[in-house]
Amino acid sequence: MTEKRISEILSSVLSGIGTTPDISRSGIVDWDKIWAEVSGEGKRFSYVRKMDKDVLYVCVKNSAWLLEMKKNKKDLIQRLKERTGKMLKDIKFYR
């Protein structure tokens, strides 16, 4: 039997149910939940698609909110860093 790290198993299970976990020594970050808390009213118009290599990919439902999110990008990054304690280089917004 092949030994697997718990983080590998959790990542596989969570990916299979459609959530975007970030598993590290400091624990699991539920980016969907954190995004909903940090993005304020924008949570109704956006959702986290994935977290990859310190970049958060966020799908935005319409052009008006896409512009609003881009305008507040630096503030959102700072609030996400403060909330999670994780390194976050960028947020990529798309429709």
Protein backbone atom coordinates (compact mmCIF):
# COMPACT_ATOMS: atom_id res chain seq x y z
CA MET A 1 0.00 0.00 0.00
CA THR A 2 1.31 3.44 -0.92
CA GLU A 3 1.57 5.97 1.87
CA LYS A 4 0.03 9.38 1.20
CA ARG A 5 0.20 12.58 3.14
CA ILE A 6 -3.03 13.73 4.71
CA SER A 7 -2.76 16.98 2.74
CA GLU A 8 -2.72 15.00 -0.53
CA ILE A 9 -5.81 13.03 0.46
CA LEU A 10 -7.69 16.14 1.64
CA SER A 11 -6.75 18.05 -1.49
CA SER A 12 -8.03 15.22 -3.67
CA VAL A 13 -11.31 14.93 -1.76
CA LEU A 14 -11.96 18.68 -1.60
CA SER A 15 -11.13 19.16 -5.28
CA GLY A 16 -13.58 16.40 -6.11
CA ILE A 17 -16.43 18.27 -4.44
CA GLY A 18 -15.68 21.53 -6.18
CA THR A 19 -14.09 23.61 -3.43
CA THR A 20 -10.75 25.38 -3.72
CA PRO A 21 -8.61 24.36 -0.77
CA ASP A 22 -5.13 25.66 -0.04
CA ILE A 23 -3.44 23.08 2.15
CA SER A 24 -0.15 23.83 3.87
CA ARG A 25 1.51 23.29 7.21
CA SER A 26 -0.55 26.10 8.66
CA GLY A 27 -3.82 24.40 7.75
CA ILE A 28 -6.58 24.58 5.18
CA VAL A 29 -7.81 27.89 3.80
CA ASP A 30 -11.36 27.89 2.48
CA TRP A 31 -10.89 30.58 -0.17
CA ASP A 32 -14.61 30.59 -1.05
CA LYS A 33 -15.56 31.46 2.51
CA ILE A 34 -12.78 34.03 2.97
CA TRP A 35 -13.61 35.67 -0.37
CA ALA A 36 -17.27 36.01 0.67
CA GLU A 37 -16.19 37.72 3.90
CA VAL A 38 -13.63 40.05 2.31
CA SER A 39 -15.41 41.01 -0.92
CA GLY A 40 -18.46 42.50 0.81
CA GLU A 41 -21.35 43.18 -1.56
CA GLY A 42 -19.26 41.80 -4.43
CA LYS A 43 -19.70 38.27 -3.08
CA ARG A 44 -23.09 38.10 -4.82
CA PHE A 45 -21.46 38.79 -8.18
CA SER A 46 -18.22 36.80 -7.95
CA TYR A 47 -16.75 33.51 -6.79
CA VAL A 48 -13.33 31.92 -6.39
CA ARG A 49 -12.48 29.62 -9.25
CA LYS A 50 -9.09 28.45 -7.97
CA MET A 51 -5.91 29.31 -6.09
CA ASP A 52 -2.72 28.50 -7.97
CA LYS A 53 0.85 29.52 -7.14
CA ASP A 54 -0.11 32.42 -4.87
CA VAL A 55 -2.60 33.79 -7.43
CA LEU A 56 -6.34 33.79 -6.69
CA TYR A 57 -8.58 33.41 -9.76
CA VAL A 58 -11.99 35.02 -9.33
CA CYS A 59 -14.86 34.79 -11.80
CA VAL A 60 -17.03 37.92 -11.90
CA LYS A 61 -20.59 37.74 -13.24
CA ASN A 62 -20.84 41.09 -15.04
CA SER A 63 -18.71 43.91 -16.46
CA ALA A 64 -19.71 46.48 -13.86
CA TRP A 65 -18.53 44.30 -11.01
CA LEU A 66 -15.43 43.26 -12.93
CA LEU A 67 -14.45 46.94 -13.12
CA GLU A 68 -15.29 47.46 -9.43
CA MET A 69 -13.18 44.46 -8.38
CA LYS A 70 -10.22 45.59 -10.48
CA LYS A 71 -10.48 49.08 -9.00
CA ASN A 72 -10.29 47.65 -5.46
CA LYS A 73 -7.74 44.93 -6.21
CA LYS A 74 -4.93 46.22 -3.95
CA ASP A 75 -7.29 46.58 -1.00
CA LEU A 76 -8.76 43.11 -1.58
CA ILE A 77 -5.29 41.54 -1.73
CA GLN A 78 -4.29 43.26 1.51
CA ARG A 79 -7.47 42.17 3.30
CA LEU A 80 -7.06 38.58 2.08
CA LYS A 81 -3.45 38.52 3.30
CA GLU A 82 -4.47 39.88 6.69
CA ARG A 83 -7.36 37.43 7.00
CA THR A 84 -5.43 34.30 5.97
CA GLY A 85 -1.81 35.03 6.83
CA LYS A 86 -0.94 33.59 3.41
CA MET A 87 1.24 35.00 0.69
CA LEU A 88 -0.93 36.26 -2.14
CA LYS A 89 0.80 37.80 -5.15
CA ASP A 90 -2.19 38.67 -7.29
CA ILE A 91 -5.88 38.29 -8.01
CA LYS A 92 -6.90 37.57 -11.60
CA PHE A 93 -10.45 38.64 -12.36
CA TYR A 94 -12.30 37.35 -15.42
CA ARG A 95 -15.81 36.86 -16.78
